[in-house]
Protein backbone atom coordinates (compact mmCIF):
# COMPACT_ATOMS: atom_id res chain seq x y z
CA MET A 1 14.67 -14.28 4.71
CA GLY A 2 16.37 -17.61 4.12
CA ILE A 3 15.75 -20.49 1.58
CA LEU A 4 14.73 -22.51 4.66
CA GLY A 5 12.12 -19.22 5.52
CA GLU A 6 10.93 -19.29 2.62
CA SER A 7 10.19 -22.58 1.65
CA LEU A 8 8.59 -23.15 5.13
CA ASP A 9 6.02 -19.88 3.79
CA LYS A 10 5.65 -21.47 0.89
CA ALA A 11 4.17 -24.56 1.98
CA VAL A 12 2.13 -22.95 4.94
CA ALA A 13 0.61 -21.28 2.03
CA ASN A 14 -0.02 -24.00 -0.20
CA THR A 15 -3.06 -25.05 2.64
CA ALA A 16 -4.90 -22.40 1.08
CA THR A 17 -8.17 -24.17 0.15
CA ARG A 18 -9.42 -21.09 -2.41
CA PRO A 19 -7.18 -19.74 -4.93
CA ALA A 20 -5.85 -16.01 -4.05
CA PRO A 21 -7.72 -13.48 -6.17
CA LYS A 22 -5.27 -12.82 -8.86
CA SER A 23 -5.72 -9.12 -10.91
CA ALA A 24 -4.27 -6.42 -9.58
CA GLY A 25 -7.54 -4.34 -9.07
CA ALA A 26 -9.29 -8.06 -7.17
CA GLN A 27 -6.10 -7.77 -5.11
CA MET A 28 -6.12 -4.21 -3.74
CA ARG A 29 -10.13 -4.80 -2.82
CA TYR A 30 -8.73 -7.39 -1.18
CA LEU A 31 -6.26 -5.35 0.62
CA VAL A 32 -8.52 -2.74 1.46
CA LYS A 33 -10.96 -4.83 3.04
CA GLN A 34 -8.50 -6.35 5.47
CA LEU A 35 -7.18 -3.12 5.79
CA LYS A 36 -9.98 -1.25 6.57
CA GLY A 37 -9.07 1.99 4.47
CA THR A 38 -7.06 3.19 1.05
CA ARG A 39 -4.71 4.68 3.57
CA ALA A 40 -3.88 1.76 5.38
CA VAL A 41 -3.24 -0.22 2.16
CA ALA A 42 -1.02 2.37 0.05
CA ARG A 43 1.42 2.70 3.32
CA ALA A 44 1.99 -0.81 3.41
CA LEU A 45 2.79 -0.75 -0.92
CA GLY A 46 4.25 2.45 -0.39
CA ILE A 47 1.99 4.60 -3.19
CA SER A 48 -0.08 6.84 -3.04
CA GLN A 49 -4.00 6.58 -1.64
CA ARG A 50 -4.89 8.33 -4.84
CA THR A 51 -3.54 4.74 -6.91
CA VAL A 52 -5.28 2.55 -4.58
CA GLU A 53 -8.56 3.95 -5.21
CA ARG A 54 -7.80 3.86 -9.10
CA TYR A 55 -6.42 0.14 -8.83
CA VAL A 56 -10.49 -0.27 -6.89
CA ARG A 57 -12.08 1.17 -9.52
CA ASN A 58 -10.22 -0.14 -12.16
CA GLN A 59 -8.78 2.83 -13.83
CA ILE A 60 -5.30 1.30 -13.66
CA ARG A 61 -4.71 -2.87 -14.91
CA THR A 62 -1.47 -2.97 -14.63
CA PRO A 63 1.04 -2.57 -11.84
CA ARG A 64 4.93 -1.98 -12.51
CA PRO A 65 6.31 -5.01 -12.18
CA ASP A 66 7.54 -4.28 -8.64
CA LEU A 67 4.20 -3.45 -7.10
CA ALA A 68 2.63 -6.34 -8.56
CA ALA A 69 5.35 -8.14 -6.47
CA ARG A 70 4.58 -6.02 -3.61
CA LEU A 71 0.63 -6.86 -3.64
CA ALA A 72 0.77 -9.97 -4.57
CA GLY A 73 2.83 -10.55 -1.84
CA GLU A 74 0.86 -9.38 0.81
CA VAL A 75 -2.39 -10.28 -0.48
CA ARG A 76 -0.67 -14.47 0.15
CA ARG A 77 0.43 -12.76 3.65
CA ARG A 78 -2.66 -12.12 4.97
CA TRP A 79 -4.65 -14.90 2.44
CA GLN A 80 -6.97 -17.10 4.37
CA PRO A 81 -5.30 -17.20 8.66
CA ARG A 82 -7.85 -19.46 9.81
CA VAL A 83 -6.47 -22.12 7.08
CA ARG A 84 -2.82 -21.79 7.52
CA GLU A 85 -2.98 -21.58 11.12
CA ARG A 86 -5.26 -24.96 11.35
CA ALA A 87 -2.35 -26.22 8.61
CA LYS A 88 0.55 -25.68 11.02
CA ARG A 89 -1.55 -26.37 14.00
CA THR A 90 -2.19 -29.89 12.90
CA ALA A 91 1.54 -30.69 11.74
CA ALA A 92 2.55 -29.69 14.68
CA SER A 93 0.74 -32.24 16.51
CA THR A 94 0.16 -34.82 14.64
CA THR A 95 0.41 -35.53 10.47
CA GLY A 96 4.14 -33.69 10.68
CA ILE A 97 6.10 -32.12 7.50
CA VAL A 98 8.12 -33.62 4.35
CA VAL A 99 11.27 -31.93 3.67
CA GLU A 100 12.95 -32.30 0.16
CA THR A 101 16.14 -31.19 -0.30
CA ARG A 102 19.37 -31.07 -2.11
CA ALA A 103 22.56 -30.28 0.18
CA ARG A 104 25.36 -31.33 1.63
CA PHE A 105 25.79 -34.15 4.27
CA GLY A 106 28.85 -34.14 5.92
CA PHE A 107 29.21 -36.77 9.42
CA SER A 108 30.88 -36.28 13.13
CA ALA A 109 31.00 -39.86 13.85
CA ALA A 110 33.10 -42.95 15.45
CA PRO A 111 36.47 -43.61 14.20
CA GLY A 112 37.34 -45.21 11.12
CA THR A 113 34.01 -44.18 9.61
CA THR A 114 34.08 -41.79 6.62
CA ASP A 115 33.51 -38.17 7.11
CA ASP A 116 33.35 -36.33 3.88
CA GLY A 117 30.51 -34.54 2.32
CA ARG A 118 28.69 -35.52 0.05
CA VAL A 119 25.65 -33.63 -1.83
CA ARG A 120 22.86 -36.02 -1.56
CA ARG A 121 19.00 -35.66 -2.16
CA ILE A 122 16.80 -36.70 0.21
CA THR A 123 13.05 -36.44 0.57
CA GLN A 124 12.23 -37.24 4.50
CA HIS A 125 8.96 -37.18 6.46
CA LEU A 126 10.08 -35.66 10.20
CA PRO A 127 7.57 -36.56 12.37
CA ALA A 128 5.21 -33.68 14.53
CA GLU A 129 7.46 -33.12 17.33
CA TYR A 130 10.32 -31.20 14.35
CA ALA A 131 7.57 -29.54 12.20
CA ALA A 132 6.38 -27.98 16.40
CA ARG A 133 9.64 -26.74 16.63
CA LEU A 134 10.42 -25.00 13.50
CA PHE A 135 7.15 -23.34 13.97
CA ASP A 136 8.18 -21.76 16.93
CA ALA A 137 11.37 -21.51 15.98
CA GLN A 138 10.00 -19.52 13.03
CA ALA A 139 7.60 -17.11 15.23
CA ALA A 140 10.34 -16.48 17.57
CA GLY A 141 11.95 -15.06 15.41
CA ALA A 142 14.25 -17.57 14.25
CA SER A 143 17.93 -17.33 11.98
CA GLU A 144 17.94 -19.25 8.80
CA GLN A 145 20.92 -20.93 10.97
CA GLN A 146 18.89 -22.24 13.64
CA LEU A 147 15.82 -23.29 11.58
CA ARG A 148 19.26 -24.84 9.77
CA VAL A 149 19.70 -26.84 12.87
CA VAL A 150 15.94 -27.58 13.75
CA ILE A 151 15.55 -29.90 9.79
CA ALA A 152 19.33 -30.86 10.10
CA GLU A 153 18.47 -32.48 13.58
CA GLY A 154 14.89 -34.35 12.27
CA LEU A 155 16.78 -35.46 9.45
CA GLN A 156 19.57 -36.64 11.62
CA GLU A 157 17.23 -38.75 13.16
CA GLN A 158 14.92 -39.88 10.54
CA TYR A 159 16.91 -40.53 8.03
CA PHE A 160 20.35 -41.02 9.22
CA LYS A 161 20.09 -42.84 12.06
CA ASP A 162 17.00 -45.00 11.76
CA SER A 163 14.54 -43.35 14.03
CA GLY A 164 17.96 -44.56 16.64
CA ARG A 165 18.12 -47.70 14.71
CA ARG A 166 21.21 -47.14 13.88
CA ALA A 167 24.65 -44.95 14.07
CA PRO A 168 23.81 -44.08 17.54
CA GLY A 169 27.23 -41.38 17.74
CA LEU A 170 26.24 -39.85 14.42
CA GLN A 171 26.05 -35.92 14.16
CA VAL A 172 24.95 -34.77 11.14
CA GLU A 173 26.44 -31.40 9.71
CA PHE A 174 24.10 -29.93 6.64
CA THR A 175 25.34 -26.77 4.31
CA ASP A 176 25.88 -26.32 0.89
CA ILE A 177 21.59 -26.28 0.68
CA ASP A 178 20.69 -26.27 -3.20
CA TYR A 179 17.47 -26.07 -2.61
CA VAL A 180 14.45 -26.71 0.21
CA GLU A 181 10.72 -27.55 -0.08
CA LEU A 182 8.74 -28.65 2.85
CA ASP A 183 4.78 -30.02 1.98
CA PHE A 184 2.58 -30.92 5.58
């Protein structure tokens, strides 16, 4: 998964209404409840069933760094799925999405205009149609490049063309992404 996919997942995770479990024991107990057994949790995390049972009983309190990362990732992925889906539906139908990025933007425009790319820092609200396209593309398993195209089209229309009020023939190239943060 690339920078845009991770940023989209992070934005969805930030819609949670309650904090996720923090301790390893609490995270394991949550996963055991969600996956309906210690065997399924052990398989998902790549550890033994006995190790899962020891975490559930707080006999082991501090996981190895790689296990801690996998454990936190599994909990984050399964935490409050209905809240996350509701936030995605709302963003895709009414509120839209906010994109904050620092990247290189180049242009293809009419003769006589500059098309030299330069790094810009942009914070722009994109309408719900772009959020819906972004969520649909991610759900369909789109590549990082395909997600980048959706964001580039949104920024092209909203930021550079000012919703169709200027630069009618402008085509934006969105490359060399330094960072991207998405928010609902």
